Structures are given as structure tokens and as C-alpha cells.
Amino acid sequence: MNRDYVIVSTTYGLGGSCLMFWGEHTQDDAERRSFGGYTRNLDGCEKYTKEELDNDGYNFPYYEDGMYWNKYDNYYIKISDLEKLGRKFTVIYI
């Protein structure tokens, strides 16, 4: 099972300068996929297969090369394509 997609929300997060990811990461074949809640933590967010997204009922667009990162409120993106959106930095929480 290739869970190599995330759902990105551009509506929330540090004044629009930070991506928010959907859901809390679930275990393969042990739990139903999470579509609720937001996190800035890529490691802790839900990961999906393309098939799961094609059948999730939301019908968000898929990220395409050259698409401006906040063109849509929500979209699907392959994890390996996240670096195409621009600079990457770490947020430290205290």
C-alpha cells in the first residue's frame, strides 16, 4: 500500500504562510483513514493512497507542477512534491 499523498489546507496556519495537513496518522489496515483535524506536523498527519483520495468524496484538485501553493483552499499532493511549493523550514513549538 503506497500511502504517499497528503491533503493540504491553505486556509489555516501562521497567517497563510504555513501549510496545514489533514488528519491524524492511522495504522495500515488497522484503522479507518482520518479526515478530521489539522496539524502542521507532516510526520503526524494522515497519509493516503491515490485510490483512497479518488473515493473520499471531497474531490479536491491534485497539485500540478507550477500551481501556486494557495490557489485552492484544499488539495491533494504527493509527499515527494511538497518541496516544489517553495522554501522548507522547521517550526519549533515551546
Protein backbone atom coordinates (compact mmCIF):
# COMPACT_ATOMS: atom_id res chain seq x y z
CA MET A 1 0.00 0.00 0.00
CA ASN A 2 1.55 3.29 -1.10
CA ARG A 3 0.26 5.99 1.21
CA ASP A 4 2.23 8.75 -0.44
CA TYR A 5 -0.33 11.59 -0.56
CA VAL A 6 -1.49 14.18 1.98
CA ILE A 7 -4.34 16.68 1.98
CA VAL A 8 -3.16 20.26 2.36
CA SER A 9 -5.23 23.14 3.70
CA THR A 10 -4.05 26.66 2.93
CA THR A 11 -6.85 28.31 4.90
CA TYR A 12 -5.30 27.95 8.35
CA GLY A 13 -1.78 28.29 9.65
CA LEU A 14 0.54 31.15 10.59
CA GLY A 15 -1.19 33.87 8.63
CA GLY A 16 -1.29 31.85 5.43
CA SER A 17 2.45 31.20 5.32
CA CYS A 18 2.35 27.64 6.62
CA LEU A 19 0.72 24.53 5.21
CA MET A 20 -1.73 22.62 7.36
CA PHE A 21 -2.25 18.91 6.81
CA TRP A 22 -5.44 16.92 7.35
CA GLY A 23 -6.00 14.14 9.84
CA GLU A 24 -4.02 12.15 12.35
CA HIS A 25 -1.85 9.33 11.06
CA THR A 26 -3.52 5.90 11.31
CA GLN A 27 -2.14 2.39 11.06
CA ASP A 28 -2.38 0.43 7.79
CA ASP A 29 -5.33 -1.99 7.73
CA ALA A 30 -5.97 -1.44 11.46
CA GLU A 31 -7.80 1.89 11.47
CA ARG A 32 -10.10 3.84 9.22
CA ARG A 33 -8.37 6.78 7.49
CA SER A 34 -8.60 10.07 9.35
CA PHE A 35 -10.11 13.06 7.56
CA GLY A 36 -10.65 15.23 10.64
CA GLY A 37 -8.49 17.81 12.32
CA TYR A 38 -5.44 19.73 11.17
CA THR A 39 -1.76 19.64 12.01
CA ARG A 40 1.41 21.39 10.88
CA ASN A 41 3.28 18.16 11.57
CA LEU A 42 3.93 16.28 8.33
CA ASP A 43 5.13 13.24 10.27
CA GLY A 44 1.92 13.10 12.33
CA CYS A 45 -0.64 13.84 9.62
CA GLU A 46 -2.65 11.27 7.74
CA LYS A 47 -1.19 9.75 4.60
CA TYR A 48 -3.44 8.40 1.85
CA THR A 49 -3.24 6.25 -1.25
CA LYS A 50 -4.34 7.77 -4.54
CA GLU A 51 -7.22 5.30 -4.60
CA GLU A 52 -8.43 6.46 -1.17
CA LEU A 53 -8.41 10.08 -2.32
CA ASP A 54 -10.20 9.26 -5.57
CA ASN A 55 -13.01 7.77 -3.47
CA ASP A 56 -13.06 10.10 -0.43
CA GLY A 57 -16.00 12.22 -1.62
CA TYR A 58 -14.19 15.56 -1.31
CA ASN A 59 -12.98 15.79 -4.92
CA PHE A 60 -10.23 18.32 -4.23
CA PRO A 61 -7.82 19.02 -7.08
CA TYR A 62 -4.45 17.28 -7.25
CA TYR A 63 -1.39 19.52 -7.12
CA GLU A 64 0.16 20.08 -10.54
CA ASP A 65 3.65 21.39 -11.27
CA GLY A 66 3.66 25.17 -11.38
CA MET A 67 0.39 25.56 -9.47
CA TYR A 68 0.59 28.42 -6.95
CA TRP A 69 0.58 26.87 -3.46
CA ASN A 70 -2.55 28.69 -2.22
CA LYS A 71 -4.62 28.67 -5.39
CA TYR A 72 -7.12 26.34 -3.66
CA ASP A 73 -8.24 26.10 -0.04
CA ASN A 74 -7.57 22.34 -0.03
CA TYR A 75 -5.81 19.99 -2.40
CA TYR A 76 -4.15 16.60 -2.63
CA ILE A 77 -0.39 16.49 -3.08
CA LYS A 78 2.17 13.73 -3.32
CA ILE A 79 4.52 13.96 -0.35
CA SER A 80 7.52 13.94 -2.69
CA ASP A 81 6.11 17.09 -4.41
CA LEU A 82 5.90 19.19 -1.23
CA GLU A 83 9.37 20.68 -1.78
CA LYS A 84 8.18 22.08 -5.13
CA LEU A 85 5.98 24.54 -3.24
CA GLY A 86 8.89 26.64 -2.03
CA ARG A 87 11.09 27.05 0.98
CA LYS A 88 11.07 24.48 3.73
CA PHE A 89 11.68 25.32 7.36
CA THR A 90 11.07 23.83 10.76
CA VAL A 91 8.69 25.36 13.27
CA ILE A 92 9.79 24.90 16.87
CA TYR A 93 7.00 24.78 19.44
CA ILE A 94 7.59 25.78 23.04
